[in-house]
Each structure stands twice: as C-alpha cells, then as structure tokens.
N, C-alpha and C. Protein backbone atom coordinates (compact mmCIF):
# COMPACT_ATOMS: atom_id res chain seq x y z
N MET A 1 1.01 -0.92 -0.56
CA MET A 1 -0.23 -0.23 -0.26
C MET A 1 1.02 1.42 -0.50
N SER A 2 0.29 2.15 -0.88
CA SER A 2 1.06 3.88 -0.55
C SER A 2 1.05 4.37 0.35
N VAL A 3 1.77 5.60 1.33
CA VAL A 3 1.35 6.14 1.83
C VAL A 3 0.58 6.59 2.30
N GLU A 4 -0.57 6.95 0.97
CA GLU A 4 -1.70 7.74 0.96
C GLU A 4 -2.87 6.52 1.39
N GLU A 5 -2.89 5.42 0.77
CA GLU A 5 -4.24 4.56 1.10
C GLU A 5 -3.75 4.36 2.48
N ARG A 6 -2.44 3.67 3.42
CA ARG A 6 -2.94 3.87 4.18
C ARG A 6 -3.02 4.47 4.96
N LEU A 7 -2.80 6.33 5.05
CA LEU A 7 -3.27 7.31 5.26
C LEU A 7 -5.21 6.54 5.49
N GLN A 8 -6.04 6.53 4.32
CA GLN A 8 -6.78 6.51 4.11
C GLN A 8 -7.36 5.61 4.93
N GLU A 9 -6.81 4.63 5.23
CA GLU A 9 -6.99 2.76 5.75
C GLU A 9 -7.48 3.26 7.06
N VAL A 10 -6.39 4.07 8.14
CA VAL A 10 -6.46 4.89 8.83
C VAL A 10 -7.32 5.85 9.05
N LYS A 11 -7.87 6.80 8.56
CA LYS A 11 -8.53 7.49 8.64
C LYS A 11 -10.15 6.75 8.34
N ASP A 12 -10.53 5.89 7.61
CA ASP A 12 -11.13 5.19 8.29
C ASP A 12 -11.63 3.86 9.23
N ARG A 13 -10.92 3.55 9.21
CA ARG A 13 -11.10 3.07 10.99
C ARG A 13 -11.10 3.41 12.03
N ILE A 14 -10.62 5.02 11.67
CA ILE A 14 -11.21 5.93 12.95
C ILE A 14 -12.58 6.18 13.18
N ALA A 15 -13.16 6.97 11.75
CA ALA A 15 -14.95 6.96 11.48
C ALA A 15 -15.40 5.94 12.05
N LYS A 16 -15.42 4.28 11.70
CA LYS A 16 -15.80 3.41 11.77
C LYS A 16 -16.15 3.63 14.12
N ALA A 17 -14.91 3.59 13.89
CA ALA A 17 -14.79 3.67 15.19
C ALA A 17 -15.90 4.46 16.06
N GLU A 18 -15.48 5.80 15.83
CA GLU A 18 -16.57 6.64 15.79
C GLU A 18 -17.82 5.97 15.93
N ARG A 19 -18.45 5.71 15.24
CA ARG A 19 -19.50 5.44 14.71
C ARG A 19 -19.99 4.28 15.75
N TYR A 20 -19.03 3.34 16.17
CA TYR A 20 -19.15 2.24 17.05
C TYR A 20 -19.79 2.50 18.17
N SER A 21 -19.08 3.79 18.82
CA SER A 21 -19.32 4.12 20.00
C SER A 21 -20.58 4.82 20.44
N ARG A 22 -20.89 5.27 18.63
CA ARG A 22 -22.15 6.35 18.90
C ARG A 22 -21.83 7.75 19.05
N ARG A 23 -20.63 7.88 18.79
CA ARG A 23 -19.92 9.60 18.80
C ARG A 23 -19.78 10.12 17.56
N PRO A 24 -20.27 11.35 17.68
CA PRO A 24 -20.29 12.60 16.06
C PRO A 24 -19.28 11.55 15.52
N ALA A 25 -18.94 11.91 14.09
CA ALA A 25 -17.92 11.93 13.30
C ALA A 25 -17.47 13.67 13.30
N GLY A 26 -16.02 12.84 13.29
CA GLY A 26 -14.82 13.87 12.78
C GLY A 26 -14.69 13.98 14.62
N SER A 27 -15.08 13.77 16.19
CA SER A 27 -14.63 14.25 16.61
C SER A 27 -13.72 13.61 17.35
N ALA A 28 -12.70 12.27 17.04
CA ALA A 28 -11.72 11.96 16.96
C ALA A 28 -10.88 12.66 16.05
N ALA A 29 -9.85 13.46 16.56
CA ALA A 29 -8.90 13.81 15.26
C ALA A 29 -7.34 12.66 15.44
N LEU A 30 -7.02 12.63 14.01
CA LEU A 30 -5.99 11.75 13.64
C LEU A 30 -4.29 12.56 14.08
N VAL A 31 -3.37 12.23 14.87
CA VAL A 31 -2.11 12.63 14.76
C VAL A 31 -1.61 11.98 14.50
N ALA A 32 -0.94 12.67 13.21
CA ALA A 32 0.22 11.69 12.34
C ALA A 32 1.43 12.20 12.72
N VAL A 33 1.70 10.71 13.03
CA VAL A 33 3.25 10.80 14.50
C VAL A 33 4.68 10.83 13.41
N SER A 34 5.03 11.81 12.49
CA SER A 34 5.76 11.37 11.35
C SER A 34 7.15 11.80 12.16
N LYS A 35 7.55 11.11 13.72
CA LYS A 35 9.13 11.22 14.10
C LYS A 35 10.05 10.27 13.17
N THR A 36 11.53 11.34 13.10
CA THR A 36 12.11 9.88 12.17
C THR A 36 12.26 9.98 11.20
N PHE A 37 10.97 10.57 10.01
CA PHE A 37 10.89 10.66 9.02
C PHE A 37 11.10 12.34 8.10
N GLU A 38 11.71 11.51 7.56
CA GLU A 38 12.42 13.51 6.66
C GLU A 38 10.70 13.41 5.88
N ALA A 39 11.79 14.70 5.96
CA ALA A 39 10.46 15.85 5.46
C ALA A 39 9.67 15.44 3.33
N ASP A 40 11.07 15.25 3.40
CA ASP A 40 10.25 13.89 1.59
C ASP A 40 9.38 12.89 2.05
N ASP A 41 9.63 12.49 2.61
CA ASP A 41 8.36 11.76 3.49
C ASP A 41 7.41 11.36 3.44
N ILE A 42 6.63 13.29 4.32
CA ILE A 42 6.13 13.80 4.75
C ILE A 42 4.52 14.57 3.92
N ARG A 43 5.48 15.06 2.83
CA ARG A 43 5.41 15.73 1.71
C ARG A 43 3.97 14.40 1.13
N PRO A 44 3.63 14.12 1.01
CA PRO A 44 2.68 12.97 1.14
C PRO A 44 1.43 13.01 1.33
N VAL A 45 1.38 13.03 2.69
CA VAL A 45 1.20 12.79 3.88
C VAL A 45 0.33 13.90 3.94
N ILE A 46 1.28 15.16 4.11
CA ILE A 46 0.98 16.24 3.98
C ILE A 46 -0.41 16.91 2.04
N ALA A 47 0.40 16.47 1.28
CA ALA A 47 -0.30 16.36 -0.25
C ALA A 47 -1.98 15.52 0.52
N ALA A 48 -2.03 14.82 0.23
CA ALA A 48 -2.93 13.82 0.85
C ALA A 48 -3.91 14.75 1.70
N GLY A 49 -4.17 15.78 2.62
CA GLY A 49 -5.00 16.76 3.04
C GLY A 49 -4.74 16.32 4.18
N GLN A 50 -3.34 15.33 5.13
CA GLN A 50 -3.67 15.14 6.83
C GLN A 50 -2.54 16.80 7.48
N ARG A 51 -3.33 16.62 8.21
CA ARG A 51 -3.05 18.93 9.09
C ARG A 51 -2.56 18.42 9.74
N VAL A 52 -2.33 17.37 10.63
CA VAL A 52 -1.63 18.02 12.19
C VAL A 52 -1.15 16.40 12.47
N PHE A 53 0.32 16.76 12.85
CA PHE A 53 1.10 15.77 13.15
C PHE A 53 1.89 15.59 14.17
N GLY A 54 2.32 15.14 15.11
CA GLY A 54 3.65 14.65 16.01
C GLY A 54 4.45 14.69 16.06
N GLU A 55 4.94 14.76 16.80
CA GLU A 55 6.87 14.69 16.55
C GLU A 55 7.45 14.64 18.26
N ASN A 56 8.13 13.57 18.11
CA ASN A 56 9.11 13.14 19.71
C ASN A 56 9.99 13.95 20.54
N ARG A 57 10.96 15.22 19.45
CA ARG A 57 11.89 15.78 19.17
C ARG A 57 11.58 16.51 19.35
N VAL A 58 12.79 18.39 20.16
CA VAL A 58 12.66 19.60 19.25
C VAL A 58 13.37 19.88 19.03
N GLN A 59 14.99 19.11 18.65
CA GLN A 59 15.91 19.20 17.30
C GLN A 59 15.92 18.68 16.62
N GLU A 60 14.88 17.66 16.00
CA GLU A 60 14.55 16.77 14.85
C GLU A 60 13.26 17.75 14.24
N SER A 61 13.04 18.08 15.15
CA SER A 61 11.27 19.10 14.51
C SER A 61 12.04 19.93 13.75
N GLN A 62 12.91 20.44 14.46
CA GLN A 62 13.55 21.83 13.94
C GLN A 62 13.95 22.21 12.45
N GLY A 63 14.68 21.03 12.85
CA GLY A 63 15.20 20.06 10.68
C GLY A 63 14.90 19.49 9.79
N LYS A 64 13.09 19.81 9.93
CA LYS A 64 12.52 19.79 8.96
C LYS A 64 10.63 20.65 9.13
N TRP A 65 10.31 20.70 9.80
CA TRP A 65 8.83 21.84 10.20
C TRP A 65 9.20 22.84 9.57
N PRO A 66 9.96 23.56 10.63
CA PRO A 66 9.88 25.03 9.85
C PRO A 66 9.38 25.11 8.30
N ALA A 67 9.88 24.69 7.42
CA ALA A 67 10.31 24.68 6.19
C ALA A 67 8.07 23.75 5.28
N LEU A 68 8.10 23.05 5.83
CA LEU A 68 7.07 21.90 5.58
C LEU A 68 5.58 23.18 6.00
N LYS A 69 6.12 23.94 7.18
CA LYS A 69 5.02 24.73 7.61
C LYS A 69 4.98 25.85 6.63
N ALA A 70 5.63 26.14 5.98
CA ALA A 70 6.03 27.74 5.11
C ALA A 70 5.42 27.38 4.26
N GLU A 71 6.00 26.43 3.67
CA GLU A 71 4.83 25.09 2.05
C GLU A 71 3.22 25.25 2.21
N THR A 72 3.24 24.58 3.00
CA THR A 72 1.66 24.72 3.53
C THR A 72 0.98 25.36 4.25
N PRO A 73 -0.32 26.46 5.17
CA PRO A 73 -0.41 26.68 5.84
C PRO A 73 -1.56 25.71 6.97
N GLY A 74 -1.88 26.27 7.87
CA GLY A 74 -2.99 25.36 8.47
C GLY A 74 -2.59 23.90 8.67
N ILE A 75 -1.06 24.02 8.75
CA ILE A 75 -0.60 22.44 9.71
C ILE A 75 -0.78 22.94 11.03
N GLU A 76 -1.01 21.91 11.76
CA GLU A 76 -1.38 22.06 13.57
C GLU A 76 0.23 20.87 14.26
N LEU A 77 1.08 21.33 14.58
CA LEU A 77 2.13 19.89 14.44
C LEU A 77 2.33 20.52 17.08
N HIS A 78 2.06 18.50 17.10
CA HIS A 78 2.32 18.29 18.21
C HIS A 78 3.66 18.09 18.72
N LEU A 79 3.74 18.26 19.35
CA LEU A 79 5.34 17.86 20.40
C LEU A 79 4.79 16.67 21.24
N ILE A 80 4.63 15.40 21.25
CA ILE A 80 4.59 14.00 22.20
C ILE A 80 5.38 13.56 22.95
N GLY A 81 6.01 13.88 22.49
CA GLY A 81 7.96 13.05 23.52
C GLY A 81 7.77 14.20 24.25
N PRO A 82 9.24 13.59 25.47
CA PRO A 82 9.35 14.27 26.25
C PRO A 82 9.59 16.25 26.35
N LEU A 83 10.16 16.38 26.58
CA LEU A 83 10.42 17.80 26.74
C LEU A 83 11.11 18.21 28.02
N GLN A 84 12.51 18.62 27.03
CA GLN A 84 13.64 19.39 28.70
C GLN A 84 13.77 20.62 28.81
N SER A 85 13.53 21.20 30.35
CA SER A 85 13.37 22.84 30.23
C SER A 85 14.12 23.56 29.18
N ASN A 86 15.42 23.58 29.31
CA ASN A 86 16.80 24.46 28.11
C ASN A 86 15.49 24.31 27.09
N LYS A 87 15.01 23.12 26.33
CA LYS A 87 14.08 23.51 25.20
C LYS A 87 13.06 24.70 25.07
N ALA A 88 12.07 24.54 26.18
CA ALA A 88 10.91 25.07 25.94
C ALA A 88 10.79 26.40 25.43
N ALA A 89 11.74 27.49 25.30
CA ALA A 89 11.96 28.71 24.14
C ALA A 89 11.89 27.90 22.45
N ASP A 90 12.75 26.77 22.30
CA ASP A 90 12.71 26.29 20.81
C ASP A 90 11.05 25.02 20.91
N ALA A 91 10.12 24.84 22.27
CA ALA A 91 9.16 24.17 21.56
C ALA A 91 7.94 25.09 21.82
N ILE A 92 8.09 26.42 22.02
CA ILE A 92 6.98 27.21 22.31
C ILE A 92 7.24 27.98 20.82
N GLU A 93 8.45 28.48 19.65
CA GLU A 93 8.19 28.80 19.14
C GLU A 93 7.58 27.75 18.04
N LEU A 94 8.33 26.68 17.67
CA LEU A 94 7.86 25.37 16.78
C LEU A 94 6.40 25.23 17.20
N PHE A 95 6.07 24.68 18.32
CA PHE A 95 4.80 23.74 18.66
C PHE A 95 3.57 24.77 18.15
N ASP A 96 2.63 23.71 17.89
CA ASP A 96 1.10 24.84 18.57
C ASP A 96 0.09 23.66 19.22
N VAL A 97 0.93 22.97 19.81
CA VAL A 97 0.28 22.30 21.30
C VAL A 97 1.57 21.21 21.50
N ILE A 98 2.08 21.82 22.56
CA ILE A 98 2.29 20.51 23.55
C ILE A 98 1.81 19.35 25.21
N GLU A 99 1.91 18.52 24.25
CA GLU A 99 0.96 17.57 25.03
C GLU A 99 1.96 16.40 26.17
N THR A 100 3.05 17.11 26.25
CA THR A 100 3.80 16.16 27.56
C THR A 100 4.00 17.51 28.58
N VAL A 101 3.59 18.15 29.29
CA VAL A 101 3.89 18.84 30.37
C VAL A 101 3.54 17.90 31.67
N ASP A 102 4.81 17.59 32.37
CA ASP A 102 4.24 16.42 33.22
C ASP A 102 5.67 16.97 34.40
N ARG A 103 5.48 17.92 34.72
CA ARG A 103 6.35 18.41 35.80
C ARG A 103 6.33 20.07 36.35
N GLU A 104 6.56 20.42 37.12
CA GLU A 104 6.13 21.83 37.55
C GLU A 104 7.59 23.09 37.08
N LYS A 105 9.06 22.05 37.32
CA LYS A 105 9.81 22.92 35.77
C LYS A 105 9.28 23.45 34.42
N ILE A 106 9.06 22.42 34.37
CA ILE A 106 8.66 21.98 32.62
C ILE A 106 7.06 23.25 32.56
N ALA A 107 6.55 23.40 32.94
CA ALA A 107 4.67 24.28 33.82
C ALA A 107 6.08 25.73 33.86
N ARG A 108 6.71 25.94 34.24
CA ARG A 108 7.29 26.70 34.44
C ARG A 108 8.24 27.58 33.33
N ALA A 109 9.10 26.90 33.25
CA ALA A 109 9.51 27.04 31.83
C ALA A 109 9.13 27.55 30.91
N LEU A 110 7.41 26.71 30.72
CA LEU A 110 7.03 27.56 29.15
C LEU A 110 5.73 28.40 29.66
N ALA A 111 5.45 28.72 30.50
CA ALA A 111 4.93 29.95 31.37
C ALA A 111 5.63 31.18 31.13
N ASP A 112 7.52 31.35 31.28
CA ASP A 112 7.92 31.64 30.70
C ASP A 112 8.04 32.36 29.45
N GLU A 113 8.49 31.27 29.07
CA GLU A 113 8.78 31.85 27.94
C GLU A 113 7.48 31.73 26.76
N MET A 114 6.33 31.20 27.21
CA MET A 114 5.01 32.13 26.78
C MET A 114 4.55 33.77 26.42
N LYS A 115 4.86 34.03 28.13
CA LYS A 115 5.04 35.12 27.39
C LYS A 115 6.08 36.35 27.18
N LYS A 116 7.62 35.56 27.41
CA LYS A 116 8.65 36.49 26.44
C LYS A 116 7.93 36.27 24.93
N GLN A 117 7.57 35.41 23.85
CA GLN A 117 7.44 34.71 22.67
C GLN A 117 6.07 35.82 22.61
N GLY A 118 4.99 35.88 23.43
CA GLY A 118 3.57 36.01 23.20
C GLY A 118 3.13 35.28 22.28
N LYS A 119 3.48 34.09 22.88
CA LYS A 119 2.47 32.79 22.20
C LYS A 119 2.14 32.10 22.96
N SER A 120 0.96 31.54 22.41
CA SER A 120 0.06 30.28 23.47
C SER A 120 0.26 29.28 22.71
N PRO A 121 0.84 28.37 22.78
CA PRO A 121 0.49 26.82 22.00
C PRO A 121 -0.60 26.26 23.38
N LYS A 122 -1.10 24.88 22.48
CA LYS A 122 -2.01 24.80 24.04
C LYS A 122 -1.66 23.53 24.27
N LEU A 123 -1.75 22.88 26.02
CA LEU A 123 -1.00 22.63 26.91
C LEU A 123 -1.85 20.84 26.94
N TYR A 124 -0.85 20.34 26.91
CA TYR A 124 -1.83 19.30 28.03
C TYR A 124 -0.60 18.21 28.66
N VAL A 125 -1.35 17.86 29.92
CA VAL A 125 -0.97 17.32 31.28
C VAL A 125 -0.25 15.86 30.89
N GLN A 126 0.40 15.29 30.65
CA GLN A 126 1.26 14.40 30.42
C GLN A 126 1.19 13.35 31.40
N VAL A 127 0.09 12.42 31.71
CA VAL A 127 0.23 11.17 33.04
C VAL A 127 0.39 10.08 32.70
N ASN A 128 1.06 9.52 33.85
CA ASN A 128 2.09 8.46 34.13
C ASN A 128 0.91 7.07 34.94
N THR A 129 0.02 6.59 33.60
CA THR A 129 -1.27 6.42 34.09
C THR A 129 -0.69 5.10 34.88
N GLY A 130 -0.07 3.92 33.89
CA GLY A 130 0.71 2.85 34.67
C GLY A 130 1.92 2.72 35.54
N LEU A 131 2.48 4.50 36.26
CA LEU A 131 3.15 4.54 37.33
C LEU A 131 4.99 3.93 37.34
N GLU A 132 4.53 3.66 35.71
CA GLU A 132 6.33 2.76 35.18
C GLU A 132 7.20 4.07 35.30
N PRO A 133 8.16 3.71 36.26
CA PRO A 133 9.28 4.30 36.45
C PRO A 133 10.76 4.51 35.30
N GLN A 134 10.25 4.11 34.55
CA GLN A 134 10.92 4.65 33.10
C GLN A 134 10.48 5.89 31.80
N LYS A 135 9.27 5.94 32.63
CA LYS A 135 8.39 7.02 31.62
C LYS A 135 7.49 7.66 32.28
N ALA A 136 8.11 9.17 31.27
CA ALA A 136 7.41 10.26 31.60
C ALA A 136 6.71 10.36 32.18
N GLY A 137 5.60 11.26 32.98
CA GLY A 137 4.33 12.26 33.61
C GLY A 137 3.97 12.11 34.88
N ILE A 138 2.86 12.57 35.29
CA ILE A 138 2.35 12.48 36.62
C ILE A 138 2.10 11.59 37.55
N ALA A 139 1.68 11.61 38.08
CA ALA A 139 1.10 10.23 38.99
C ALA A 139 -0.54 10.34 38.92
N PRO A 140 -1.62 9.52 38.44
CA PRO A 140 -2.18 10.26 38.94
C PRO A 140 -3.10 10.94 39.79
N LYS A 141 -3.06 10.35 41.17
CA LYS A 141 -3.24 11.14 42.24
C LYS A 141 -2.81 12.70 42.42
N GLU A 142 -1.74 13.42 41.12
CA GLU A 142 -1.38 14.01 41.59
C GLU A 142 -2.50 15.29 40.76
N THR A 143 -2.40 14.18 39.82
CA THR A 143 -2.43 15.12 37.94
C THR A 143 -3.96 16.25 38.52
N ALA A 144 -4.96 16.45 39.44
CA ALA A 144 -6.08 17.37 39.69
C ALA A 144 -4.79 18.39 40.09
N ALA A 145 -4.20 18.54 40.87
CA ALA A 145 -3.40 19.34 41.91
C ALA A 145 -2.22 19.81 40.88
N PHE A 146 -1.66 18.80 40.06
CA PHE A 146 -0.76 19.30 39.66
C PHE A 146 -2.02 20.83 38.55
N VAL A 147 -3.03 20.48 37.70
CA VAL A 147 -2.99 20.79 36.74
C VAL A 147 -3.74 22.27 37.54
N ALA A 148 -4.32 22.35 38.39
CA ALA A 148 -5.24 23.59 39.16
C ALA A 148 -3.45 24.38 39.38
N LEU A 149 -2.54 23.77 39.96
CA LEU A 149 -1.32 24.61 40.14
C LEU A 149 -0.88 25.36 38.77
N CYS A 150 -1.02 24.65 37.94
CA CYS A 150 -0.65 25.16 36.00
C CYS A 150 -1.75 26.27 36.10
N ARG A 151 -2.86 25.88 36.00
CA ARG A 151 -4.46 27.40 36.42
C ARG A 151 -3.76 28.57 36.66
N GLU A 152 -3.42 28.18 37.74
CA GLU A 152 -3.83 29.55 39.31
C GLU A 152 -3.05 29.58 39.65
N GLU A 153 -1.55 28.98 39.26
CA GLU A 153 -0.52 29.49 40.19
C GLU A 153 0.05 30.29 38.64
N LEU A 154 0.25 29.83 37.72
CA LEU A 154 1.56 29.60 36.28
C LEU A 154 0.70 30.56 35.49
N GLY A 155 -0.94 30.41 35.34
CA GLY A 155 -1.68 31.27 34.37
C GLY A 155 -1.76 30.33 32.96
N LEU A 156 -1.71 29.35 32.75
CA LEU A 156 -1.71 28.21 32.08
C LEU A 156 -3.05 27.93 31.55
N SER A 157 -3.21 27.62 30.42
CA SER A 157 -4.57 27.45 29.55
C SER A 157 -4.38 25.72 29.85
N ILE A 158 -5.30 24.51 30.06
CA ILE A 158 -4.98 23.47 30.32
C ILE A 158 -6.22 22.61 29.40
N GLU A 159 -5.81 22.68 28.04
CA GLU A 159 -6.90 21.78 27.97
C GLU A 159 -6.96 20.17 27.50
N GLY A 160 -5.99 19.65 28.00
CA GLY A 160 -6.43 18.49 27.48
C GLY A 160 -5.55 17.66 28.60
N LEU A 161 -5.78 16.44 28.59
CA LEU A 161 -4.23 14.89 29.08
C LEU A 161 -4.37 14.19 28.31
N MET A 162 -2.31 13.48 28.16
CA MET A 162 -2.20 12.32 27.62
C MET A 162 -1.79 11.11 28.51
N CYS A 163 -2.02 9.90 27.48
CA CYS A 163 -1.40 9.18 28.82
C CYS A 163 -0.66 8.31 27.86
N ILE A 164 0.40 7.28 28.21
CA ILE A 164 1.22 6.01 26.68
C ILE A 164 0.71 5.18 28.45
N PRO A 165 -0.43 4.48 27.59
CA PRO A 165 -0.26 2.95 28.83
C PRO A 165 1.15 1.81 28.25
N PRO A 166 0.72 1.18 30.12
CA PRO A 166 2.35 1.09 29.62
C PRO A 166 2.27 -0.54 28.38
N ALA A 167 2.77 -0.79 27.66
CA ALA A 167 3.32 -1.79 26.75
C ALA A 167 2.24 -3.67 26.43
N ASP A 168 2.56 -3.24 27.87
CA ASP A 168 2.04 -5.10 28.43
C ASP A 168 0.66 -5.22 28.57
N GLU A 169 0.17 -3.90 28.73
CA GLU A 169 -1.06 -4.29 29.69
C GLU A 169 -2.40 -3.58 28.45
N ASN A 170 -3.28 -4.02 29.23
CA ASN A 170 -4.54 -3.64 28.69
C ASN A 170 -5.09 -1.96 28.75
N PRO A 171 -5.14 -1.47 26.95
CA PRO A 171 -4.99 -0.23 27.53
C PRO A 171 -6.46 0.23 27.76
N GLY A 172 -7.39 -0.58 27.56
CA GLY A 172 -8.77 0.07 27.92
C GLY A 172 -8.71 0.64 29.69
N PRO A 173 -8.35 0.16 30.87
CA PRO A 173 -8.56 0.27 31.89
C PRO A 173 -7.86 2.01 32.46
N HIS A 174 -6.48 2.32 31.83
CA HIS A 174 -5.58 3.34 31.75
C HIS A 174 -6.78 4.44 30.59
N PHE A 175 -7.20 4.08 29.97
CA PHE A 175 -7.47 4.71 29.33
C PHE A 175 -9.65 5.72 29.85
N ALA A 176 -9.81 4.56 30.40
CA ALA A 176 -10.81 5.34 31.52
C ALA A 176 -10.58 5.76 32.41
N LEU A 177 -9.11 5.65 32.79
CA LEU A 177 -8.73 6.59 34.45
C LEU A 177 -8.38 7.64 33.92
N LEU A 178 -7.32 7.53 32.73
CA LEU A 178 -7.62 9.30 31.73
C LEU A 178 -8.78 9.99 31.69
N ALA A 179 -9.73 9.41 31.17
CA ALA A 179 -11.32 9.93 31.50
C ALA A 179 -11.78 10.82 32.74
N LYS A 180 -11.79 9.83 33.11
CA LYS A 180 -12.17 10.66 34.64
C LYS A 180 -11.28 10.96 35.18
N LEU A 181 -9.80 11.37 35.25
CA LEU A 181 -9.23 12.26 35.53
C LEU A 181 -9.51 13.60 34.60
N ALA A 182 -9.93 13.49 33.70
CA ALA A 182 -10.72 14.09 32.76
C ALA A 182 -11.13 15.53 33.28
N LYS A 183 -12.69 14.98 33.39
CA LYS A 183 -13.24 14.87 34.30
C LYS A 183 -12.95 15.81 35.46
N GLU A 184 -12.41 15.04 36.13
CA GLU A 184 -11.94 15.97 37.99
C GLU A 184 -11.89 17.31 37.34
N CYS A 185 -10.74 17.42 36.14
CA CYS A 185 -9.79 18.85 35.83
C CYS A 185 -10.71 19.67 35.62
N GLY A 186 -12.01 19.17 34.53
CA GLY A 186 -12.75 20.01 33.61
C GLY A 186 -11.60 20.63 32.59
N VAL A 187 -11.13 19.40 32.18
CA VAL A 187 -10.26 19.43 30.67
C VAL A 187 -11.17 18.91 29.56
N GLU A 188 -11.08 19.13 28.73
CA GLU A 188 -12.04 18.40 27.83
C GLU A 188 -11.54 17.66 26.45
N LYS A 189 -10.13 17.26 26.79
CA LYS A 189 -9.21 16.41 25.12
C LYS A 189 -8.33 15.99 26.03
N LEU A 190 -9.20 14.94 25.31
CA LEU A 190 -7.65 13.25 26.00
C LEU A 190 -7.03 13.10 24.45
N SER A 191 -6.13 12.92 24.73
CA SER A 191 -4.91 12.48 23.66
C SER A 191 -4.15 11.22 24.19
N MET A 192 -5.04 10.39 23.54
CA MET A 192 -4.53 8.50 23.83
C MET A 192 -5.26 7.57 22.54
N GLY A 193 -4.06 6.54 22.70
CA GLY A 193 -4.37 5.29 21.66
C GLY A 193 -2.83 5.95 20.78
N MET A 194 -2.67 4.67 20.17
CA MET A 194 -1.70 4.33 19.07
C MET A 194 -1.92 3.66 18.00
N SER A 195 -0.67 3.05 17.50
CA SER A 195 -1.33 2.46 15.93
C SER A 195 -2.13 1.04 16.53
N GLY A 196 -1.78 0.43 17.58
CA GLY A 196 -1.98 -0.75 17.75
C GLY A 196 -3.56 -0.77 18.77
N ASP A 197 -3.85 0.70 18.93
CA ASP A 197 -4.67 0.61 19.88
C ASP A 197 -5.75 1.36 19.76
N PHE A 198 -5.38 2.80 18.63
CA PHE A 198 -6.59 3.68 18.66
C PHE A 198 -8.14 3.28 18.64
N GLU A 199 -8.21 2.28 18.06
CA GLU A 199 -10.22 2.13 18.02
C GLU A 199 -10.30 2.13 19.64
N THR A 200 -9.84 1.32 20.48
CA THR A 200 -9.93 1.24 21.96
C THR A 200 -10.03 2.89 22.44
N ALA A 201 -8.89 2.90 22.32
CA ALA A 201 -8.73 4.48 22.87
C ALA A 201 -10.20 6.01 22.32
N ILE A 202 -10.41 5.17 21.08
CA ILE A 202 -11.58 6.16 20.56
C ILE A 202 -13.37 5.98 21.25
N GLU A 203 -13.24 4.48 21.85
CA GLU A 203 -14.31 4.16 22.44
C GLU A 203 -14.62 4.95 23.90
N PHE A 204 -12.96 5.36 24.64
CA PHE A 204 -13.04 5.46 26.07
C PHE A 204 -12.93 6.73 25.54
N GLY A 205 -13.80 8.08 24.90
CA GLY A 205 -13.48 8.83 24.28
C GLY A 205 -12.20 9.95 23.93
N ALA A 206 -11.42 9.21 23.22
CA ALA A 206 -10.24 10.37 23.12
C ALA A 206 -10.44 11.07 21.95
N THR A 207 -10.05 12.23 21.92
CA THR A 207 -10.96 12.88 20.91
C THR A 207 -8.87 13.34 19.99
N GLY A 208 -8.30 13.06 20.59
CA GLY A 208 -6.84 13.11 19.57
C GLY A 208 -6.50 11.33 19.58
N VAL A 209 -5.93 10.67 18.20
CA VAL A 209 -5.38 9.77 19.05
C VAL A 209 -4.27 10.05 17.66
N ARG A 210 -2.72 8.69 18.37
CA ARG A 210 -1.33 9.29 17.57
C ARG A 210 -1.38 7.88 16.90
N VAL A 211 -1.11 8.47 15.52
CA VAL A 211 -0.76 7.20 14.87
C VAL A 211 0.40 7.08 14.07
N GLY A 212 1.41 6.42 13.29
CA GLY A 212 2.53 6.77 12.88
C GLY A 212 2.61 5.33 11.89
N SER A 213 3.29 4.12 12.89
CA SER A 213 3.31 3.04 12.39
C SER A 213 2.65 2.96 10.92
N ALA A 214 1.24 2.68 11.20
CA ALA A 214 -0.38 2.83 10.32
C ALA A 214 -0.25 3.17 9.82
N ILE A 215 0.57 4.62 9.10
CA ILE A 215 0.54 5.03 8.22
C ILE A 215 1.88 5.53 7.17
N PHE A 216 2.98 5.60 8.08
CA PHE A 216 4.02 5.77 7.11
C PHE A 216 5.05 4.83 7.18
N GLY A 217 4.67 3.62 7.77
CA GLY A 217 5.71 1.94 7.91
C GLY A 217 6.85 2.31 9.26
N ALA A 218 7.25 0.91 8.92
CA ALA A 218 8.06 0.85 9.86
C ALA A 218 8.59 1.25 10.17
N ARG A 219 9.74 1.54 10.99
CA ARG A 219 11.29 2.98 11.30
C ARG A 219 12.29 2.74 11.39
C-alpha cells in the first residue's frame, strides 16, 4: 500500500470506531506521528490532506518542520515526546500543541517563554497511568493538583490530558482512568491511543489519537 492508501485506511478505521461508539463523526482527530521520517516522506501525507502531525524531539523537528509549515498553511504540530526545560523556548517557537507537560519545572519554563514570545500553544498534561518508573508523566493521584497549579499559579490554559499505557497491559483501564481524571480536572481533550490501540481509545473518549507506523510504515 502507498502512504496515501495507509492514511485513508487509518481515517476509515477512525470513522468506523466513532460510529461504533456512537460518537459524532470527526470527534476523534488524527495526529499523524512523523518522528524519524524525513520531510520528503511527510510531504505526500500533507498532499493527501493531513494537517495535524506529532513529533517526539524538538531538535529533529527544527530540521524539517519550519520549511514544511512555510510550504503549507494550516499545519498543526504537536510535541508528543519528553520536553527538557532548556528546550522550552524552541518548543514554544515551533509547536502549536505541547502534550507532555509533566512536572512543575517544565510548566514554569513554558509559562516564562510564552510571556517572552507572546505565543500560546495549547497544552496537555501527560499522566503516567501505569506509574512506570522509566516513563514520563505525572502520577494519576497528583494530576488534579498539578492542573490547578498550572492554571491558578502559572496562568497556563491546560486543555487536555495525554497518556501512553504500559505496552504489556490492556490499555482500556488506562484510557478509562485518563477520561475520569479529565472530568475531575475539567479538561475536554484526551490524547490517547496509538497504532495498535486507537480504536479502543476512541471507545473510551479519545479526542486525539497518535498514529505513526500504520501510516508511515515501520521505522
């Protein structure tokens, strides 16, 4: 299959999952994860109509996305990988959505840079639903307090939560937990689900699914 055909297949699967879950068409947005792929690999996906993309690393993104964004208006670029505080300025400059706000140091760095640059990317808090020591994210029981800190003390507008369930566990309970936390925190967006489990995520209320290999192929 061509990359265009794979993109269409993923979109069809998203639409089917929305119908199955009795959700409105288009309520689960596709974030095409283009990490490790070159600009020439991404251009056909843009040409096929995709406008929302996800990247893991700030530095890698700086090498390809300024030119791609200049070529095609309306691109929305998400940072979905861990963010170091020394990259906060670069992240604010390039990304439209930052999904990996996961500790106070990062939140403060982003707040400072947003003031300096006069830019306001959309922000999500990453939750470590499986409490995995090797994985970024705030602990579930600390999520509400952290969102309140971001909003009330730092003046950040947190619009969503994001999670990456443990690879060896049923993702459903993790998606259910994230949805519950979102209600408690009063946030509307849920970024959850990847190539192997995005249909399940849509059943549990995902508003954005992050799909890479099912579109671009193996890395």
